[in-house]
N, C-alpha and C. Protein backbone atom coordinates (compact mmCIF):
# COMPACT_ATOMS: atom_id res chain seq x y z
N MET A 1 108.10 88.23 116.16
CA MET A 1 107.23 89.48 115.68
C MET A 1 107.11 88.84 114.42
N LEU A 2 108.02 88.62 113.30
CA LEU A 2 107.45 88.39 111.96
C LEU A 2 106.73 87.30 111.75
N LYS A 3 106.71 85.83 112.86
CA LYS A 3 105.88 84.68 112.77
C LYS A 3 104.46 85.28 113.27
N THR A 4 104.43 86.16 114.16
CA THR A 4 103.15 86.51 114.63
C THR A 4 102.19 87.29 113.58
N LEU A 5 102.93 88.08 112.56
CA LEU A 5 102.65 88.86 111.63
C LEU A 5 102.44 87.62 110.38
N CYS A 6 102.79 86.87 110.06
CA CYS A 6 102.53 85.67 109.10
C CYS A 6 101.55 84.98 109.70
N VAL A 7 101.41 84.40 110.91
CA VAL A 7 100.34 83.95 111.49
C VAL A 7 98.96 84.38 111.23
N SER A 8 99.25 85.91 111.48
CA SER A 8 97.98 86.83 111.42
C SER A 8 97.50 87.05 110.14
N LEU A 9 98.03 87.14 108.93
CA LEU A 9 97.95 87.14 107.89
C LEU A 9 97.03 85.91 107.18
N PHE A 10 97.69 84.66 107.73
CA PHE A 10 97.09 83.51 107.43
C PHE A 10 95.76 83.39 107.77
N ILE A 11 95.32 83.57 109.31
CA ILE A 11 94.06 83.76 109.92
C ILE A 11 93.13 84.56 109.21
N LEU A 12 93.68 85.93 108.74
CA LEU A 12 93.00 86.94 108.22
C LEU A 12 92.33 86.19 106.92
N VAL A 13 92.88 85.91 105.94
CA VAL A 13 92.66 85.34 104.87
C VAL A 13 91.51 83.96 104.97
N TYR A 14 91.84 83.30 106.03
CA TYR A 14 91.16 81.82 106.00
C TYR A 14 89.88 82.22 106.76
N CYS A 15 89.97 83.08 107.45
CA CYS A 15 88.72 83.47 108.09
C CYS A 15 87.73 84.18 107.00
N ALA A 16 88.38 85.16 106.48
CA ALA A 16 87.69 85.92 105.47
C ALA A 16 87.06 84.80 104.24
N SER A 17 87.88 84.05 103.85
CA SER A 17 87.22 82.99 102.61
C SER A 17 86.19 82.05 103.38
N SER A 18 86.14 81.83 104.40
CA SER A 18 85.31 80.65 105.10
C SER A 18 83.74 81.42 105.67
N SER A 19 84.13 82.67 106.10
CA SER A 19 83.12 83.17 106.75
C SER A 19 82.20 84.41 106.01
N ALA A 20 82.51 84.78 104.64
CA ALA A 20 82.14 85.86 104.12
C ALA A 20 81.85 85.55 102.49
N GLN A 21 80.75 86.20 102.24
CA GLN A 21 80.62 86.14 100.62
C GLN A 21 80.85 87.56 99.85
N ASP A 22 81.41 87.20 98.81
CA ASP A 22 81.85 88.41 98.15
C ASP A 22 80.43 89.38 97.27
N ALA A 23 80.41 90.50 97.55
CA ALA A 23 79.51 91.35 96.71
C ALA A 23 79.94 91.75 95.17
N PRO A 24 79.06 91.49 94.43
CA PRO A 24 79.13 92.03 93.17
C PRO A 24 79.64 93.40 93.18
N SER A 25 80.72 93.59 92.17
CA SER A 25 81.12 94.79 92.12
C SER A 25 80.74 95.43 90.69
N ALA A 26 80.86 96.83 90.78
CA ALA A 26 80.62 97.47 89.23
C ALA A 26 81.03 97.21 88.12
N SER A 27 80.80 97.18 87.11
CA SER A 27 81.57 96.70 86.01
C SER A 27 82.62 97.69 85.48
N ALA A 28 83.52 96.99 84.91
CA ALA A 28 84.74 97.96 84.72
C ALA A 28 84.44 99.12 83.55
N THR A 29 83.62 98.81 82.84
CA THR A 29 83.18 99.88 81.87
C THR A 29 82.52 100.91 82.16
N THR A 30 81.89 101.06 83.45
CA THR A 30 81.32 102.03 84.35
C THR A 30 82.65 103.19 84.72
N ILE A 31 83.67 102.68 84.49
CA ILE A 31 84.86 103.50 85.23
C ILE A 31 85.56 104.33 83.67
N THR A 32 85.48 105.62 83.71
CA THR A 32 85.95 106.22 82.61
C THR A 32 87.32 106.68 82.71
N SER A 33 87.95 106.87 81.85
CA SER A 33 89.31 107.01 81.58
C SER A 33 89.72 107.94 82.42
N LYS A 34 89.10 109.20 82.71
CA LYS A 34 89.45 110.23 83.52
C LYS A 34 89.23 109.92 84.84
N GLU A 35 88.26 109.03 85.29
CA GLU A 35 88.64 108.43 86.80
C GLU A 35 89.63 107.51 87.03
N LYS A 36 89.89 106.71 85.98
CA LYS A 36 91.02 105.70 85.93
C LYS A 36 92.14 106.85 86.14
N ASN A 37 92.44 107.84 85.51
CA ASN A 37 93.56 108.27 85.75
C ASN A 37 93.51 109.35 87.02
N ILE A 38 92.59 109.66 87.30
CA ILE A 38 92.54 110.45 88.76
C ILE A 38 92.87 109.22 89.85
N ASN A 39 92.30 108.08 89.80
CA ASN A 39 92.62 107.19 90.72
C ASN A 39 94.20 106.69 90.85
N PHE A 40 94.49 106.49 89.55
CA PHE A 40 96.28 106.03 89.65
C PHE A 40 97.07 107.50 90.06
N ALA A 41 96.56 108.80 89.72
CA ALA A 41 97.10 109.66 90.27
C ALA A 41 97.36 109.85 91.76
N MET A 42 96.32 109.51 92.18
CA MET A 42 96.15 109.61 93.88
C MET A 42 97.07 109.01 94.49
N VAL A 43 97.14 107.34 93.98
CA VAL A 43 98.06 106.38 94.35
C VAL A 43 99.28 106.71 94.26
N TYR A 44 99.79 107.39 92.89
CA TYR A 44 100.87 107.67 92.65
C TYR A 44 101.56 109.05 93.66
N ALA A 45 100.70 109.78 94.02
CA ALA A 45 100.96 110.95 94.62
C ALA A 45 101.09 110.52 96.29
N VAL A 46 100.44 109.47 96.98
CA VAL A 46 100.65 108.93 98.06
C VAL A 46 102.10 108.41 98.06
N GLN A 47 102.39 107.32 96.73
CA GLN A 47 103.65 106.61 96.99
C GLN A 47 104.76 107.66 97.14
N TRP A 48 104.66 108.56 96.36
CA TRP A 48 105.81 109.89 96.14
C TRP A 48 105.83 110.51 97.63
N THR A 49 104.63 110.98 98.33
CA THR A 49 104.56 111.53 99.56
C THR A 49 105.49 110.32 100.58
N TYR A 50 104.80 109.38 100.53
CA TYR A 50 105.52 108.19 101.50
C TYR A 50 107.05 107.94 101.40
N TYR A 51 107.49 107.96 99.87
CA TYR A 51 108.86 107.70 99.81
C TYR A 51 109.57 108.94 100.33
N LEU A 52 109.42 110.13 100.13
CA LEU A 52 110.08 111.49 100.25
C LEU A 52 110.10 111.52 101.71
N ILE A 53 108.90 111.32 102.42
CA ILE A 53 109.06 111.26 103.91
C ILE A 53 109.98 110.15 104.68
N ALA A 54 109.67 108.91 104.25
CA ALA A 54 109.92 107.40 104.86
C ALA A 54 111.48 107.30 104.48
N HIS A 55 112.03 107.67 103.07
CA HIS A 55 113.32 107.56 103.10
C HIS A 55 114.27 108.94 102.86
N GLU A 56 113.85 109.89 103.48
CA GLU A 56 114.66 111.52 103.26
C GLU A 56 116.21 111.27 103.40
N ARG A 57 116.37 110.50 104.45
CA ARG A 57 117.94 110.21 104.85
C ARG A 57 118.36 109.53 103.51
N GLU A 58 118.13 108.41 102.93
CA GLU A 58 118.72 107.83 101.88
C GLU A 58 118.63 108.76 100.75
N ILE A 59 117.57 109.69 100.60
CA ILE A 59 117.42 110.45 99.37
C ILE A 59 118.46 111.50 99.06
N LYS A 60 119.00 111.95 100.31
CA LYS A 60 119.88 112.97 100.65
C LYS A 60 121.23 112.38 100.63
N LYS A 61 121.39 111.30 100.91
CA LYS A 61 122.35 110.64 100.64
C LYS A 61 122.94 110.03 99.28
N TYR A 62 121.84 109.26 98.59
CA TYR A 62 122.00 108.55 97.50
C TYR A 62 121.18 109.01 96.35
N GLY A 63 120.10 110.02 96.54
CA GLY A 63 119.58 110.18 95.71
C GLY A 63 119.72 111.16 94.46
N SER A 64 119.37 110.92 93.16
CA SER A 64 120.01 111.91 92.15
C SER A 64 119.26 111.98 90.71
N ILE A 65 119.06 112.41 90.01
CA ILE A 65 118.42 112.26 88.66
C ILE A 65 119.37 111.42 87.82
N GLU A 66 120.73 111.18 87.92
CA GLU A 66 121.49 110.35 87.31
C GLU A 66 121.30 109.01 87.54
N ASN A 67 121.08 108.66 89.15
CA ASN A 67 120.78 107.46 89.52
C ASN A 67 119.50 106.92 88.81
N GLU A 68 118.50 107.76 88.84
CA GLU A 68 117.27 107.61 88.43
C GLU A 68 117.12 107.01 86.82
N SER A 69 118.05 107.74 86.27
CA SER A 69 117.99 107.79 84.84
C SER A 69 118.92 106.08 84.57
N LYS A 70 119.99 105.88 85.42
CA LYS A 70 120.51 104.83 85.27
C LYS A 70 120.20 103.61 85.97
N ASN A 71 118.99 103.51 86.78
CA ASN A 71 118.59 102.51 87.65
C ASN A 71 117.41 102.19 86.89
N PHE A 72 116.65 102.83 86.26
CA PHE A 72 115.31 102.59 85.47
C PHE A 72 115.69 101.11 84.20
N LEU A 73 116.65 101.15 83.95
CA LEU A 73 116.71 100.22 82.90
C LEU A 73 117.70 99.00 83.33
N ASN A 74 118.03 99.16 85.11
CA ASN A 74 118.84 98.02 85.24
C ASN A 74 118.25 97.43 86.43
N PRO A 75 117.12 96.88 86.40
CA PRO A 75 116.54 96.02 87.40
C PRO A 75 117.49 94.78 87.98
N HIS A 76 116.93 94.20 89.20
CA HIS A 76 117.54 93.39 89.76
C HIS A 76 116.94 92.43 90.85
N TYR A 77 117.56 91.48 91.31
CA TYR A 77 116.99 90.66 92.65
C TYR A 77 117.57 91.18 93.60
N ASP A 78 116.91 91.95 94.51
CA ASP A 78 117.27 92.50 95.60
C ASP A 78 117.56 91.39 96.77
N ARG A 79 118.40 91.88 97.72
CA ARG A 79 118.76 90.97 98.98
C ARG A 79 117.90 91.64 99.94
N ASP A 80 116.97 92.49 99.95
CA ASP A 80 116.15 92.88 101.19
C ASP A 80 115.91 91.26 101.95
N GLY A 81 115.82 91.57 103.35
CA GLY A 81 115.09 90.60 104.10
C GLY A 81 113.71 90.38 103.84
N PHE A 82 113.46 89.55 104.89
CA PHE A 82 111.93 88.98 104.76
C PHE A 82 110.91 90.06 105.19
N GLU A 83 111.11 90.54 106.14
CA GLU A 83 110.15 91.57 106.48
C GLU A 83 110.14 92.68 105.17
N PHE A 84 110.91 93.45 104.65
CA PHE A 84 110.85 94.17 103.36
C PHE A 84 110.14 93.29 102.32
N ASN A 85 110.51 92.42 101.56
CA ASN A 85 110.23 91.70 100.66
C ASN A 85 108.67 90.94 100.51
N LEU A 86 108.53 90.60 101.65
CA LEU A 86 107.05 89.68 101.93
C LEU A 86 106.42 90.52 103.08
N ILE A 87 106.68 91.08 104.11
CA ILE A 87 105.51 91.85 105.03
C ILE A 87 105.26 93.30 104.38
N ARG A 88 106.36 93.96 104.53
CA ARG A 88 105.91 95.32 103.95
C ARG A 88 105.18 95.47 102.53
N HIS A 89 105.70 94.95 101.50
CA HIS A 89 105.21 95.11 100.32
C HIS A 89 104.27 94.18 100.14
N THR A 90 103.88 93.25 100.70
CA THR A 90 102.55 92.43 100.82
C THR A 90 101.24 93.45 101.30
N PHE A 91 101.58 94.09 102.13
CA PHE A 91 100.87 95.33 102.95
C PHE A 91 100.44 96.48 101.95
N ALA A 92 101.67 96.93 101.28
CA ALA A 92 101.72 98.18 100.48
C ALA A 92 100.80 97.51 99.22
N GLY A 93 100.74 96.07 98.86
CA GLY A 93 100.25 95.83 97.70
C GLY A 93 98.37 95.72 97.91
N HIS A 94 98.20 95.21 99.34
CA HIS A 94 96.90 95.18 99.54
C HIS A 94 95.79 96.38 99.71
N TYR A 95 96.89 97.47 99.84
CA TYR A 95 96.37 99.02 100.50
C TYR A 95 96.00 99.36 98.85
N TYR A 96 96.90 99.16 97.67
CA TYR A 96 96.56 99.40 96.45
C TYR A 96 95.34 98.75 96.05
N TYR A 97 95.01 97.48 96.11
CA TYR A 97 93.79 96.44 95.73
C TYR A 97 92.71 97.17 96.73
N LEU A 98 92.68 97.55 97.59
CA LEU A 98 91.69 97.62 98.52
C LEU A 98 91.25 99.23 97.84
N PHE A 99 92.02 99.92 97.66
CA PHE A 99 91.77 101.34 96.94
C PHE A 99 91.01 101.17 95.79
N TYR A 100 91.61 100.54 94.91
CA TYR A 100 91.01 100.21 93.62
C TYR A 100 89.66 99.37 93.82
N ARG A 101 89.63 98.59 94.69
CA ARG A 101 88.32 98.05 94.85
C ARG A 101 87.16 99.10 95.29
N SER A 102 87.82 100.20 96.13
CA SER A 102 86.77 101.04 96.36
C SER A 102 86.01 101.98 95.72
N ARG A 103 86.91 102.12 94.89
CA ARG A 103 86.69 102.81 93.11
C ARG A 103 85.86 102.59 92.15
N ASN A 104 85.29 100.88 92.80
CA ASN A 104 83.93 100.10 91.76
C ASN A 104 85.08 99.25 90.96
N TYR A 105 86.58 98.80 90.93
CA TYR A 105 86.87 98.16 90.05
C TYR A 105 86.71 96.95 90.19
N THR A 106 86.50 95.94 89.41
CA THR A 106 86.24 94.39 89.58
C THR A 106 87.74 93.67 90.28
N GLU A 107 87.64 92.67 90.62
CA GLU A 107 88.86 92.19 91.36
C GLU A 107 90.00 92.01 90.51
N GLU A 108 89.58 91.39 88.88
CA GLU A 108 90.65 91.28 88.12
C GLU A 108 91.17 92.66 87.65
N ASN A 109 90.59 93.85 87.57
CA ASN A 109 91.10 95.24 87.10
C ASN A 109 91.76 95.78 88.51
N ALA A 110 91.54 95.56 89.75
CA ALA A 110 92.05 95.82 90.89
C ALA A 110 93.26 95.50 90.92
N PHE A 111 93.28 94.15 90.73
CA PHE A 111 94.80 93.41 90.71
C PHE A 111 95.62 93.99 89.37
N ILE A 112 95.26 94.51 88.53
CA ILE A 112 95.84 94.86 87.24
C ILE A 112 96.24 96.18 87.44
N TRP A 113 95.47 96.98 88.11
CA TRP A 113 96.10 98.39 88.53
C TRP A 113 96.81 98.30 89.70
N SER A 114 96.68 97.48 90.40
CA SER A 114 97.95 97.34 91.76
C SER A 114 99.15 96.75 91.18
N PHE A 115 99.21 96.20 90.06
CA PHE A 115 100.63 95.98 89.40
C PHE A 115 100.98 97.16 88.78
N ILE A 116 100.20 97.97 87.99
CA ILE A 116 100.54 99.13 87.53
C ILE A 116 101.09 100.09 88.32
N SER A 117 100.36 100.41 89.51
CA SER A 117 101.00 101.01 90.43
C SER A 117 102.15 100.33 91.03
N SER A 118 102.58 99.23 91.41
CA SER A 118 103.86 98.74 91.59
C SER A 118 104.63 98.95 90.66
N PHE A 119 104.37 98.69 89.56
CA PHE A 119 105.49 99.45 88.15
C PHE A 119 105.79 100.53 88.56
N ALA A 120 104.94 101.41 88.67
CA ALA A 120 105.09 102.76 88.67
C ALA A 120 106.05 103.29 89.97
N PHE A 121 106.03 102.84 91.02
CA PHE A 121 106.78 102.95 92.21
C PHE A 121 107.95 102.50 91.98
N GLU A 122 108.27 101.35 91.46
CA GLU A 122 109.47 100.72 91.33
C GLU A 122 110.47 101.26 90.44
N PHE A 123 109.99 101.70 89.00
CA PHE A 123 110.60 101.86 88.27
C PHE A 123 110.59 103.64 87.74
N THR A 124 109.85 104.54 88.74
CA THR A 124 109.74 105.77 88.76
C THR A 124 110.13 106.64 89.94
N ILE A 125 109.99 106.01 91.16
CA ILE A 125 109.98 106.65 92.39
C ILE A 125 111.38 105.87 93.08
N GLU A 126 111.24 104.56 93.23
CA GLU A 126 112.43 104.17 94.16
C GLU A 126 113.77 104.16 93.40
N THR A 127 113.70 104.18 91.87
CA THR A 127 114.99 104.64 91.35
C THR A 127 115.67 105.84 91.61
N ILE A 128 115.40 106.43 92.40
CA ILE A 128 115.97 107.74 92.67
C ILE A 128 117.22 107.28 93.60
N THR A 129 116.84 106.23 94.46
CA THR A 129 117.89 105.87 95.01
C THR A 129 118.56 104.57 94.93
N GLU A 130 117.76 103.31 94.22
CA GLU A 130 118.34 102.27 94.22
C GLU A 130 117.59 101.49 92.81
N ARG A 131 118.20 100.38 92.50
CA ARG A 131 117.67 99.86 91.20
C ARG A 131 116.13 99.25 91.51
N PRO A 132 115.43 99.11 90.53
CA PRO A 132 113.95 98.24 90.65
C PRO A 132 114.43 96.82 90.68
N SER A 133 113.26 96.10 91.69
CA SER A 133 113.37 94.95 92.02
C SER A 133 112.61 93.90 91.61
N TYR A 134 112.90 92.90 90.89
CA TYR A 134 111.99 92.06 90.31
C TYR A 134 110.98 91.40 91.38
N GLN A 135 111.57 90.91 92.59
CA GLN A 135 110.65 90.49 93.32
C GLN A 135 109.42 91.53 94.02
N ASP A 136 109.73 92.75 94.16
CA ASP A 136 108.80 93.49 94.36
C ASP A 136 107.88 93.75 93.40
N LEU A 137 108.30 93.62 92.38
CA LEU A 137 107.26 93.97 90.93
C LEU A 137 106.14 92.86 91.30
N TYR A 138 106.42 91.63 91.42
CA TYR A 138 105.33 90.65 91.33
C TYR A 138 104.87 90.52 92.83
N GLN A 139 105.66 90.39 93.78
CA GLN A 139 105.42 90.13 94.94
C GLN A 139 104.21 91.14 95.81
N THR A 140 104.41 92.36 95.45
CA THR A 140 103.47 93.45 95.85
C THR A 140 102.13 93.40 95.24
N PRO A 141 101.81 93.45 94.04
CA PRO A 141 100.65 92.99 93.58
C PRO A 141 100.15 91.81 93.83
N VAL A 142 100.80 90.84 93.52
CA VAL A 142 100.08 89.24 93.95
C VAL A 142 100.20 89.05 95.20
N PHE A 143 100.86 89.06 96.20
CA PHE A 143 100.38 88.80 97.38
C PHE A 143 99.72 89.76 98.02
N GLY A 144 99.55 91.15 97.79
CA GLY A 144 98.73 92.23 98.19
C GLY A 144 97.71 91.97 97.77
N THR A 145 97.33 91.51 96.47
CA THR A 145 95.91 91.01 96.20
C THR A 145 95.22 90.08 97.14
N VAL A 146 95.91 88.90 97.53
CA VAL A 146 95.73 87.81 98.35
C VAL A 146 95.08 88.27 99.39
N LEU A 147 95.92 89.11 100.03
CA LEU A 147 95.69 89.47 101.47
C LEU A 147 94.53 90.63 101.28
N GLY A 148 94.51 91.44 100.11
CA GLY A 148 93.42 92.29 99.96
C GLY A 148 92.05 91.74 99.91
N VAL A 149 91.86 90.54 99.34
CA VAL A 149 90.80 89.89 98.95
C VAL A 149 90.28 89.42 100.16
N GLY A 150 91.37 88.56 101.07
CA GLY A 150 90.67 88.35 102.14
C GLY A 150 90.06 89.80 103.30
N ALA A 151 91.11 90.70 103.17
CA ALA A 151 90.63 91.89 103.97
C ALA A 151 89.26 92.10 103.61
N GLU A 152 88.99 92.41 102.27
CA GLU A 152 87.75 92.87 101.83
C GLU A 152 86.52 92.25 102.37
N LYS A 153 86.57 90.94 102.13
CA LYS A 153 85.66 90.01 102.82
C LYS A 153 85.26 89.87 103.89
N LEU A 154 86.40 90.21 104.97
CA LEU A 154 86.50 89.99 106.21
C LEU A 154 85.64 91.27 106.74
N SER A 155 86.16 92.22 106.08
CA SER A 155 85.71 93.77 106.31
C SER A 155 84.07 93.80 106.18
N LYS A 156 83.58 93.11 104.88
CA LYS A 156 81.89 93.17 104.69
C LYS A 156 81.44 92.17 105.68
N TYR A 157 81.95 91.16 106.12
CA TYR A 157 81.44 90.12 106.96
C TYR A 157 80.96 90.85 108.45
N LEU A 158 82.25 91.74 108.61
CA LEU A 158 82.23 92.50 110.19
C LEU A 158 81.16 93.37 110.23
N HIS A 159 80.88 94.04 108.94
CA HIS A 159 80.00 95.09 108.77
C HIS A 159 78.56 94.55 108.76
N GLY A 160 78.43 93.52 108.22
CA GLY A 160 76.95 92.71 107.64
C GLY A 160 76.65 92.19 109.65
N ARG A 161 77.61 92.36 110.37
CA ARG A 161 76.86 91.89 111.61
C ARG A 161 76.16 92.72 112.33
N GLY A 162 76.25 93.98 111.80
CA GLY A 162 75.49 95.21 112.45
C GLY A 162 75.51 95.43 113.70
N THR A 163 76.82 95.44 114.13
CA THR A 163 77.34 96.01 115.66
C THR A 163 78.14 97.12 115.45
N TRP A 164 78.45 97.94 116.47
CA TRP A 164 79.48 98.88 116.41
C TRP A 164 80.37 98.40 116.44
N ILE A 165 81.01 97.51 117.03
CA ILE A 165 82.28 96.73 117.05
C ILE A 165 82.64 96.36 115.84
N GLY A 166 81.37 95.62 114.98
CA GLY A 166 81.72 94.84 113.90
C GLY A 166 82.06 96.19 112.70
N HIS A 167 81.37 97.31 112.78
CA HIS A 167 81.72 98.30 111.92
C HIS A 167 83.00 98.75 111.96
N ALA A 168 83.31 98.93 113.38
CA ALA A 168 84.78 99.52 113.93
C ALA A 168 85.87 99.04 113.41
N ALA A 169 85.60 97.50 113.49
CA ALA A 169 86.63 96.49 112.80
C ALA A 169 86.64 96.62 111.50
N GLY A 170 85.70 96.60 110.81
CA GLY A 170 85.69 96.65 109.35
C GLY A 170 86.27 97.78 108.71
N TYR A 171 85.92 99.11 109.33
CA TYR A 171 86.66 100.11 108.84
C TYR A 171 87.96 100.18 109.20
N LEU A 172 88.45 99.78 110.09
CA LEU A 172 89.81 99.41 110.43
C LEU A 172 90.63 98.52 109.72
N ILE A 173 90.04 97.17 109.21
CA ILE A 173 90.67 96.37 108.49
C ILE A 173 90.50 96.67 106.78
N ASN A 174 89.42 97.84 106.44
CA ASN A 174 89.75 98.25 105.12
C ASN A 174 89.12 99.83 105.23
N PRO A 175 90.08 100.80 105.47
CA PRO A 175 89.67 101.90 105.75
C PRO A 175 88.76 102.46 104.34
N PHE A 176 89.01 102.02 103.24
CA PHE A 176 88.57 102.92 102.00
C PHE A 176 87.14 102.52 101.89
N THR A 177 86.55 101.88 102.74
CA THR A 177 85.14 101.67 102.82
C THR A 177 84.28 103.01 103.45
N LEU A 178 85.22 103.88 103.75
CA LEU A 178 84.94 105.16 104.67
C LEU A 178 84.73 106.25 103.04
N LEU A 179 85.51 105.91 102.06
CA LEU A 179 85.51 107.12 100.91
C LEU A 179 83.88 106.83 100.05
N PRO A 180 84.01 108.02 99.41
CA PRO A 180 82.58 107.97 98.53
C PRO A 180 82.88 107.33 97.51
N THR A 181 82.11 106.51 96.50
CA THR A 181 82.25 105.84 95.44
C THR A 181 82.96 107.00 94.49
N THR A 182 82.71 108.04 94.30
CA THR A 182 82.87 109.12 93.29
C THR A 182 83.98 109.95 93.75
N ASN A 183 84.68 110.77 92.69
CA ASN A 183 85.36 111.68 93.50
C ASN A 183 85.84 112.61 92.49
N SER A 184 86.25 113.84 92.82
CA SER A 184 86.79 114.88 91.70
C SER A 184 88.28 115.13 92.48
N VAL A 185 88.94 115.39 91.78
CA VAL A 185 90.74 115.57 92.63
C VAL A 185 91.36 116.94 91.77
N PHE A 186 91.61 117.78 92.56
CA PHE A 186 92.44 118.92 91.70
C PHE A 186 93.65 118.94 92.62
N GLY A 187 94.93 119.36 91.74
CA GLY A 187 95.90 119.47 92.20
C GLY A 187 96.68 120.83 92.08
N TYR A 188 97.47 121.27 92.80
CA TYR A 188 98.29 122.56 92.61
C TYR A 188 99.81 122.08 93.29
N VAL A 189 100.64 122.61 92.22
CA VAL A 189 102.30 122.68 92.54
C VAL A 189 102.40 123.83 92.81
N ILE A 190 103.25 124.02 93.98
CA ILE A 190 103.59 125.26 94.38
C ILE A 190 105.14 125.37 94.71
N PRO A 191 106.02 126.00 94.03
CA PRO A 191 107.15 126.23 94.03
C PRO A 191 107.57 127.31 95.33
N LYS A 192 108.39 126.72 95.81
CA LYS A 192 108.74 127.92 97.07
C LYS A 192 110.10 127.67 97.26
N ASN A 193 111.10 128.60 97.18
CA ASN A 193 112.59 128.72 97.21
C ASN A 193 113.38 127.58 96.80
N ASP A 194 113.76 126.55 97.53
CA ASP A 194 114.42 125.17 96.96
C ASP A 194 113.42 124.00 97.09
N ASN A 195 112.31 124.47 97.66
CA ASN A 195 111.35 122.93 97.65
C ASN A 195 110.13 123.25 97.05
N VAL A 196 109.37 122.31 96.58
CA VAL A 196 108.17 122.26 96.13
C VAL A 196 106.95 121.52 96.87
N SER A 197 106.07 122.21 96.86
CA SER A 197 104.44 121.98 97.56
C SER A 197 103.49 121.25 96.79
N LEU A 198 103.00 119.99 96.74
CA LEU A 198 101.94 119.41 96.38
C LEU A 198 100.70 119.41 96.98
N ILE A 199 99.38 120.46 96.61
CA ILE A 199 98.73 120.38 97.28
C ILE A 199 97.33 119.54 96.47
N LEU A 200 96.71 118.53 97.37
CA LEU A 200 95.53 117.74 96.67
C LEU A 200 94.26 118.32 97.07
N GLN A 201 93.33 118.46 96.32
CA GLN A 201 91.93 118.82 96.89
C GLN A 201 90.87 117.49 96.47
N TRP A 202 90.45 116.97 97.45
CA TRP A 202 89.19 115.75 96.80
C TRP A 202 87.99 116.48 97.27
N GLU A 203 87.33 116.54 96.29
CA GLU A 203 85.54 117.00 96.45
C GLU A 203 84.95 115.60 96.37
N PHE A 204 84.17 115.43 97.79
CA PHE A 204 83.45 114.22 97.78
C PHE A 204 82.01 114.52 96.79
N GLU A 205 81.58 113.52 96.23
CA GLU A 205 79.93 113.72 95.32
C GLU A 205 79.06 112.61 95.78
């Protein structure tokens, strides 16, 4: 299974780099500080949502504010397996990259903000249950960007074919192309008994 995934990643990047041309993106100066804050906040909210759902058992068993404050200043080289360190984190990083690119960030700035989002996850979210990982900190944005560049180019190439299959495959590879290029987001926090609900409203413009 892992070998198949690795081969698929290689084929994806190879096909994209050889078959598609990169389109010019908007200048980073066209993105306001407010938009940058909103975009980062959306990624951060999704990170929290994913972690609370996917790691519910670990959080109940090991999670605490004390752990978060202690782990924050104590990063290490983790011993997670190949699937976690290279497969899952690479895919997470490539989604960061594709999202920021969909918001009109340049390739360089999409990589930078992918790194910032990765840093935020490692040092402010995952620290609830475990120490930050040096490998994850650089593998997520670096390998994720490599995969993201290939996915973006391949998606554009498939859309450019002008067929419904091409469009469907293009959206599947890069679903963020379905999003509008501008956004307006509002958030609400609703305390209820021992739980807290977070509601995000995204207005398309």
